[in-house]
Amino acid sequence: MGGHLTRKLSLPIRFENINGNINTTNVVFDCLGVVISRQGELETNPTYKYIAGTSTNILKYGSGTLHKVINNDNSGSVIVYDGISAGGDIIASIDLTKVLGSLAYDIPYNNGLTVVTHGDIVKITVTYE
């Protein structure tokens, strides 16, 4: 027939056809549509990434939640993007010389999460899901 008809394969659906009559001819099993419904909030386990120095980090592909950016040193800057490159929408632009400690965001992003740091002694931790 063709390739996968879904964009994401994280919620697979499986069909089985058990031949109980010992049929020796080919049996065709067509399915034109399937739906997965979820009720309530999605509960996932947040994760983190420690970033040191100047770098570009794609932390996640797809949607999620940015929880915190934790500044472990007073040096450099960081830009957080909604996307899988530095060309996405800017979520936050932080001058790390002006803030030390935890910056809480708890905001959703849609296209991915990319963090770009500038400065040789940048030391941050990003928590997200």
N, C-alpha and C. Protein backbone atom coordinates (compact mmCIF):
# COMPACT_ATOMS: atom_id res chain seq x y z
N MET A 1 0.82 -1.19 0.00
CA MET A 1 0.00 0.00 0.00
C MET A 1 0.86 1.25 0.00
N GLY A 2 1.61 1.49 1.01
CA GLY A 2 2.40 2.71 1.07
C GLY A 2 3.15 2.78 2.37
N GLY A 3 3.71 3.94 2.64
CA GLY A 3 4.47 4.14 3.87
C GLY A 3 3.56 4.46 5.03
N HIS A 4 4.18 4.93 6.09
CA HIS A 4 3.42 5.31 7.28
C HIS A 4 2.53 6.50 6.97
N LEU A 5 1.33 6.48 7.50
CA LEU A 5 0.39 7.56 7.26
C LEU A 5 0.36 8.55 8.41
N THR A 6 1.15 8.32 9.46
CA THR A 6 1.19 9.24 10.59
C THR A 6 2.52 9.97 10.60
N ARG A 7 2.53 11.16 11.21
CA ARG A 7 3.76 11.94 11.31
C ARG A 7 4.65 11.45 12.43
N LYS A 8 4.06 10.99 13.51
CA LYS A 8 4.82 10.52 14.67
C LYS A 8 4.46 9.07 14.94
N LEU A 9 5.44 8.28 15.31
CA LEU A 9 5.20 6.87 15.58
C LEU A 9 5.28 6.57 17.07
N SER A 10 5.05 7.57 17.92
CA SER A 10 5.16 7.36 19.36
C SER A 10 3.91 6.72 19.96
N LEU A 11 2.82 6.68 19.24
CA LEU A 11 1.59 6.02 19.70
C LEU A 11 1.17 4.99 18.66
N PRO A 12 1.88 3.87 18.60
CA PRO A 12 1.55 2.90 17.55
C PRO A 12 0.24 2.16 17.83
N ILE A 13 -0.40 1.75 16.77
CA ILE A 13 -1.60 0.92 16.85
C ILE A 13 -1.29 -0.37 16.13
N ARG A 14 -1.70 -1.48 16.70
CA ARG A 14 -1.40 -2.79 16.12
C ARG A 14 -2.68 -3.56 15.88
N PHE A 15 -2.74 -4.22 14.75
CA PHE A 15 -3.87 -5.08 14.41
C PHE A 15 -3.36 -6.50 14.20
N GLU A 16 -4.17 -7.45 14.57
CA GLU A 16 -3.83 -8.85 14.34
C GLU A 16 -5.01 -9.55 13.69
N ASN A 17 -4.70 -10.48 12.82
CA ASN A 17 -5.71 -11.32 12.19
C ASN A 17 -5.26 -12.76 12.39
N ILE A 18 -5.94 -13.48 13.25
CA ILE A 18 -5.58 -14.86 13.54
C ILE A 18 -6.42 -15.78 12.66
N ASN A 19 -5.73 -16.60 11.89
CA ASN A 19 -6.39 -17.52 10.97
C ASN A 19 -6.76 -18.79 11.73
N GLY A 20 -7.97 -18.83 12.27
CA GLY A 20 -8.42 -19.98 13.04
C GLY A 20 -8.99 -21.10 12.20
N ASN A 21 -9.25 -20.85 10.92
CA ASN A 21 -9.86 -21.87 10.05
C ASN A 21 -8.84 -22.53 9.13
N ILE A 22 -7.58 -22.29 9.35
CA ILE A 22 -6.50 -22.84 8.54
C ILE A 22 -6.73 -22.55 7.05
N ASN A 23 -7.04 -21.31 6.77
CA ASN A 23 -7.28 -20.86 5.41
C ASN A 23 -5.96 -20.78 4.67
N THR A 24 -5.88 -21.36 3.50
CA THR A 24 -4.62 -21.40 2.74
C THR A 24 -4.51 -20.27 1.73
N THR A 25 -5.54 -19.48 1.54
CA THR A 25 -5.48 -18.37 0.60
C THR A 25 -5.14 -17.09 1.36
N ASN A 26 -4.67 -16.10 0.63
CA ASN A 26 -4.33 -14.82 1.24
C ASN A 26 -5.60 -14.11 1.73
N VAL A 27 -5.51 -13.56 2.91
CA VAL A 27 -6.60 -12.81 3.50
C VAL A 27 -6.18 -11.35 3.57
N VAL A 28 -7.03 -10.47 3.08
CA VAL A 28 -6.73 -9.04 3.10
C VAL A 28 -7.47 -8.41 4.27
N PHE A 29 -6.76 -7.61 5.02
CA PHE A 29 -7.34 -6.93 6.18
C PHE A 29 -7.08 -5.44 5.99
N ASP A 30 -8.11 -4.68 5.64
CA ASP A 30 -7.98 -3.24 5.42
C ASP A 30 -8.54 -2.47 6.60
N CYS A 31 -7.87 -1.41 6.95
CA CYS A 31 -8.33 -0.51 8.00
C CYS A 31 -8.20 0.91 7.46
N LEU A 32 -9.28 1.63 7.40
CA LEU A 32 -9.26 2.96 6.81
C LEU A 32 -9.02 4.08 7.82
N GLY A 33 -9.22 3.82 9.08
CA GLY A 33 -9.00 4.87 10.07
C GLY A 33 -8.96 4.33 11.47
N VAL A 34 -8.09 4.91 12.28
CA VAL A 34 -7.94 4.51 13.68
C VAL A 34 -7.72 5.78 14.49
N VAL A 35 -8.26 5.81 15.70
CA VAL A 35 -8.13 6.99 16.56
C VAL A 35 -7.61 6.56 17.92
N ILE A 36 -6.68 7.35 18.46
CA ILE A 36 -6.24 7.19 19.85
C ILE A 36 -6.71 8.43 20.59
N SER A 37 -7.47 8.24 21.65
CA SER A 37 -7.95 9.35 22.45
C SER A 37 -7.30 9.30 23.82
N ARG A 38 -6.91 10.47 24.32
CA ARG A 38 -6.30 10.56 25.64
C ARG A 38 -7.11 11.55 26.44
N GLN A 39 -7.38 11.22 27.69
CA GLN A 39 -8.12 12.12 28.55
C GLN A 39 -7.20 12.61 29.65
N GLY A 40 -7.35 13.88 30.02
CA GLY A 40 -6.55 14.44 31.10
C GLY A 40 -5.21 14.96 30.62
N GLU A 41 -4.47 15.51 31.57
CA GLU A 41 -3.16 16.08 31.27
C GLU A 41 -2.13 14.98 31.03
N LEU A 42 -1.20 15.27 30.15
CA LEU A 42 -0.11 14.37 29.89
C LEU A 42 0.87 14.46 31.05
N GLU A 43 1.17 13.35 31.70
CA GLU A 43 2.11 13.33 32.80
C GLU A 43 3.40 12.68 32.34
N THR A 44 4.46 13.45 32.32
CA THR A 44 5.75 12.93 31.94
C THR A 44 6.77 13.27 33.01
N ASN A 45 7.94 12.71 32.89
CA ASN A 45 9.00 12.96 33.84
C ASN A 45 9.94 14.01 33.26
N PRO A 46 10.09 15.17 33.91
CA PRO A 46 11.01 16.19 33.39
C PRO A 46 12.44 15.67 33.35
N THR A 47 13.24 16.23 32.47
CA THR A 47 14.64 15.88 32.36
C THR A 47 15.46 17.16 32.38
N TYR A 48 16.76 17.04 32.33
CA TYR A 48 17.61 18.23 32.41
C TYR A 48 18.82 18.06 31.48
N LYS A 49 19.46 19.20 31.21
CA LYS A 49 20.71 19.21 30.44
C LYS A 49 21.61 20.27 31.04
N TYR A 50 22.82 19.87 31.42
CA TYR A 50 23.85 20.79 31.89
C TYR A 50 24.65 21.24 30.68
N ILE A 51 24.81 22.54 30.52
CA ILE A 51 25.51 23.11 29.37
C ILE A 51 26.63 24.01 29.88
N ALA A 52 27.84 23.80 29.37
CA ALA A 52 28.99 24.62 29.75
C ALA A 52 29.67 25.14 28.49
N GLY A 53 30.02 26.42 28.49
CA GLY A 53 30.73 27.02 27.36
C GLY A 53 29.80 27.43 26.23
N THR A 54 30.40 27.91 25.16
CA THR A 54 29.65 28.35 23.98
C THR A 54 29.22 27.13 23.18
N SER A 55 27.91 27.00 22.93
CA SER A 55 27.42 25.85 22.17
C SER A 55 25.98 26.06 21.72
N THR A 56 25.56 25.24 20.77
CA THR A 56 24.17 25.17 20.34
C THR A 56 23.68 23.77 20.65
N ASN A 57 22.57 23.66 21.40
CA ASN A 57 22.06 22.37 21.87
C ASN A 57 20.60 22.21 21.50
N ILE A 58 20.28 21.20 20.68
CA ILE A 58 18.89 20.85 20.43
C ILE A 58 18.50 19.86 21.52
N LEU A 59 17.66 20.32 22.44
CA LEU A 59 17.31 19.50 23.58
C LEU A 59 16.11 18.60 23.31
N LYS A 60 15.21 19.05 22.44
CA LYS A 60 14.02 18.23 22.17
C LYS A 60 13.45 18.57 20.81
N TYR A 61 12.96 17.54 20.13
CA TYR A 61 12.20 17.69 18.89
C TYR A 61 10.73 17.57 19.26
N GLY A 62 9.89 18.47 18.79
CA GLY A 62 8.47 18.41 19.10
C GLY A 62 8.12 19.29 20.29
N SER A 63 6.90 19.15 20.75
CA SER A 63 6.38 20.04 21.80
C SER A 63 6.75 19.56 23.19
N GLY A 64 6.64 20.46 24.15
CA GLY A 64 6.95 20.14 25.53
C GLY A 64 6.78 21.36 26.42
N THR A 65 7.44 21.33 27.57
CA THR A 65 7.37 22.43 28.53
C THR A 65 8.77 22.79 28.99
N LEU A 66 9.11 24.07 28.93
CA LEU A 66 10.35 24.57 29.50
C LEU A 66 10.06 24.93 30.95
N HIS A 67 10.73 24.25 31.88
CA HIS A 67 10.48 24.51 33.30
C HIS A 67 11.40 25.60 33.85
N LYS A 68 12.71 25.37 33.83
CA LYS A 68 13.64 26.32 34.44
C LYS A 68 14.93 26.42 33.66
N VAL A 69 15.57 27.59 33.78
CA VAL A 69 16.95 27.79 33.37
C VAL A 69 17.68 28.18 34.65
N ILE A 70 18.67 27.38 35.02
CA ILE A 70 19.40 27.62 36.27
C ILE A 70 20.80 28.09 35.91
N ASN A 71 21.14 29.30 36.36
CA ASN A 71 22.45 29.88 36.11
C ASN A 71 23.38 29.49 37.24
N ASN A 72 24.43 28.76 36.92
CA ASN A 72 25.38 28.30 37.92
C ASN A 72 26.60 29.20 38.05
N ASP A 73 26.71 30.22 37.20
CA ASP A 73 27.86 31.13 37.21
C ASP A 73 27.40 32.45 36.60
N ASN A 74 28.05 33.54 36.94
CA ASN A 74 27.66 34.86 36.43
C ASN A 74 28.47 35.22 35.19
N SER A 75 28.27 34.49 34.10
CA SER A 75 29.06 34.78 32.91
C SER A 75 28.30 34.39 31.66
N GLY A 76 28.40 35.24 30.62
CA GLY A 76 27.86 34.91 29.30
C GLY A 76 26.38 35.21 29.14
N SER A 77 25.80 34.59 28.10
CA SER A 77 24.39 34.78 27.80
C SER A 77 23.81 33.50 27.21
N VAL A 78 22.49 33.42 27.20
CA VAL A 78 21.81 32.26 26.65
C VAL A 78 20.54 32.72 25.94
N ILE A 79 20.24 32.08 24.82
CA ILE A 79 18.99 32.32 24.10
C ILE A 79 18.30 30.97 23.96
N VAL A 80 17.02 30.92 24.34
CA VAL A 80 16.22 29.70 24.26
C VAL A 80 15.22 29.87 23.13
N TYR A 81 15.17 28.90 22.21
CA TYR A 81 14.32 28.98 21.03
C TYR A 81 13.24 27.90 21.04
N ASP A 82 12.07 28.24 20.51
CA ASP A 82 11.01 27.27 20.21
C ASP A 82 11.26 26.80 18.79
N GLY A 83 12.01 25.72 18.64
CA GLY A 83 12.35 25.20 17.32
C GLY A 83 13.55 24.29 17.43
N ILE A 84 13.94 23.71 16.32
CA ILE A 84 15.07 22.79 16.30
C ILE A 84 16.32 23.43 15.69
N SER A 85 16.36 24.76 15.77
CA SER A 85 17.54 25.51 15.33
C SER A 85 17.49 26.88 15.99
N ALA A 86 18.55 27.64 15.77
CA ALA A 86 18.59 29.00 16.31
C ALA A 86 17.71 29.95 15.50
N GLY A 87 16.96 29.44 14.55
CA GLY A 87 16.07 30.27 13.75
C GLY A 87 14.63 30.22 14.22
N GLY A 88 14.35 29.54 15.32
CA GLY A 88 12.99 29.45 15.82
C GLY A 88 12.57 30.71 16.57
N ASP A 89 11.36 30.70 17.09
CA ASP A 89 10.89 31.82 17.89
C ASP A 89 11.64 31.86 19.21
N ILE A 90 12.03 33.05 19.64
CA ILE A 90 12.77 33.20 20.89
C ILE A 90 11.82 33.09 22.07
N ILE A 91 12.13 32.17 22.99
CA ILE A 91 11.37 32.04 24.24
C ILE A 91 11.99 32.94 25.30
N ALA A 92 13.32 32.94 25.39
CA ALA A 92 14.00 33.75 26.39
C ALA A 92 15.38 34.14 25.89
N SER A 93 15.79 35.35 26.24
CA SER A 93 17.15 35.84 26.00
C SER A 93 17.65 36.34 27.34
N ILE A 94 18.68 35.68 27.87
CA ILE A 94 19.09 35.94 29.24
C ILE A 94 20.54 36.40 29.28
N ASP A 95 20.78 37.55 29.91
CA ASP A 95 22.13 38.02 30.20
C ASP A 95 22.52 37.40 31.54
N LEU A 96 23.36 36.39 31.50
CA LEU A 96 23.69 35.63 32.71
C LEU A 96 24.52 36.42 33.71
N THR A 97 25.10 37.56 33.29
CA THR A 97 25.86 38.38 34.23
C THR A 97 24.95 39.14 35.18
N LYS A 98 23.66 39.21 34.86
CA LYS A 98 22.72 39.99 35.67
C LYS A 98 21.82 39.14 36.55
N VAL A 99 21.90 37.82 36.41
CA VAL A 99 21.02 36.95 37.20
C VAL A 99 21.78 35.70 37.60
N LEU A 100 21.64 35.32 38.86
CA LEU A 100 22.25 34.08 39.34
C LEU A 100 21.18 33.28 40.03
N GLY A 101 21.10 32.01 39.74
CA GLY A 101 20.09 31.16 40.36
C GLY A 101 19.10 30.64 39.34
N SER A 102 17.90 30.38 39.79
CA SER A 102 16.88 29.70 39.00
C SER A 102 15.87 30.68 38.40
N LEU A 103 15.63 30.56 37.11
CA LEU A 103 14.59 31.33 36.42
C LEU A 103 13.49 30.35 36.03
N ALA A 104 12.33 30.50 36.66
CA ALA A 104 11.20 29.59 36.39
C ALA A 104 10.40 30.11 35.21
N TYR A 105 10.10 29.22 34.26
CA TYR A 105 9.29 29.56 33.09
C TYR A 105 7.98 28.79 33.09
N ASP A 106 8.03 27.48 33.12
CA ASP A 106 6.83 26.63 33.07
C ASP A 106 5.90 27.04 31.93
N ILE A 107 6.49 27.16 30.74
CA ILE A 107 5.71 27.54 29.56
C ILE A 107 5.87 26.48 28.47
N PRO A 108 4.84 26.33 27.64
CA PRO A 108 4.92 25.33 26.58
C PRO A 108 5.71 25.85 25.37
N TYR A 109 6.31 24.91 24.65
CA TYR A 109 6.88 25.20 23.34
C TYR A 109 6.31 24.17 22.37
N ASN A 110 6.30 24.50 21.09
CA ASN A 110 5.58 23.67 20.12
C ASN A 110 6.46 22.93 19.12
N ASN A 111 7.57 23.50 18.74
CA ASN A 111 8.33 22.97 17.61
C ASN A 111 9.64 22.30 17.98
N GLY A 112 10.02 22.36 19.22
CA GLY A 112 11.30 21.83 19.67
C GLY A 112 11.92 22.80 20.66
N LEU A 113 13.03 22.40 21.25
CA LEU A 113 13.70 23.26 22.23
C LEU A 113 15.19 23.30 21.91
N THR A 114 15.67 24.50 21.57
CA THR A 114 17.08 24.71 21.26
C THR A 114 17.62 25.78 22.19
N VAL A 115 18.80 25.52 22.76
CA VAL A 115 19.44 26.47 23.67
C VAL A 115 20.81 26.81 23.10
N VAL A 116 21.05 28.12 22.91
CA VAL A 116 22.32 28.61 22.39
C VAL A 116 22.99 29.42 23.48
N THR A 117 24.21 29.03 23.86
CA THR A 117 24.95 29.75 24.88
C THR A 117 26.14 30.46 24.27
N HIS A 118 26.48 31.63 24.83
CA HIS A 118 27.61 32.45 24.37
C HIS A 118 28.46 32.78 25.59
N GLY A 119 29.73 32.41 25.54
CA GLY A 119 30.66 32.68 26.63
C GLY A 119 31.37 31.41 27.03
N ASP A 120 32.67 31.52 27.23
CA ASP A 120 33.48 30.33 27.50
C ASP A 120 33.22 29.72 28.87
N ILE A 121 32.79 30.52 29.83
CA ILE A 121 32.56 29.95 31.16
C ILE A 121 31.09 29.95 31.55
N VAL A 122 30.21 29.86 30.56
CA VAL A 122 28.78 29.69 30.83
C VAL A 122 28.57 28.34 31.50
N LYS A 123 27.74 28.33 32.52
CA LYS A 123 27.39 27.08 33.21
C LYS A 123 25.93 27.18 33.59
N ILE A 124 25.08 26.48 32.81
CA ILE A 124 23.64 26.50 33.09
C ILE A 124 23.10 25.08 33.11
N THR A 125 21.96 24.94 33.75
CA THR A 125 21.19 23.70 33.71
C THR A 125 19.78 24.06 33.25
N VAL A 126 19.28 23.34 32.26
CA VAL A 126 17.93 23.57 31.73
C VAL A 126 17.08 22.37 32.10
N THR A 127 15.92 22.61 32.73
CA THR A 127 14.99 21.52 32.99
C THR A 127 13.78 21.70 32.07
N TYR A 128 13.35 20.58 31.50
CA TYR A 128 12.28 20.62 30.49
C TYR A 128 11.65 19.25 30.38
N GLU A 129 10.58 19.17 29.64
CA GLU A 129 9.97 17.89 29.27
C GLU A 129 9.31 18.03 27.92
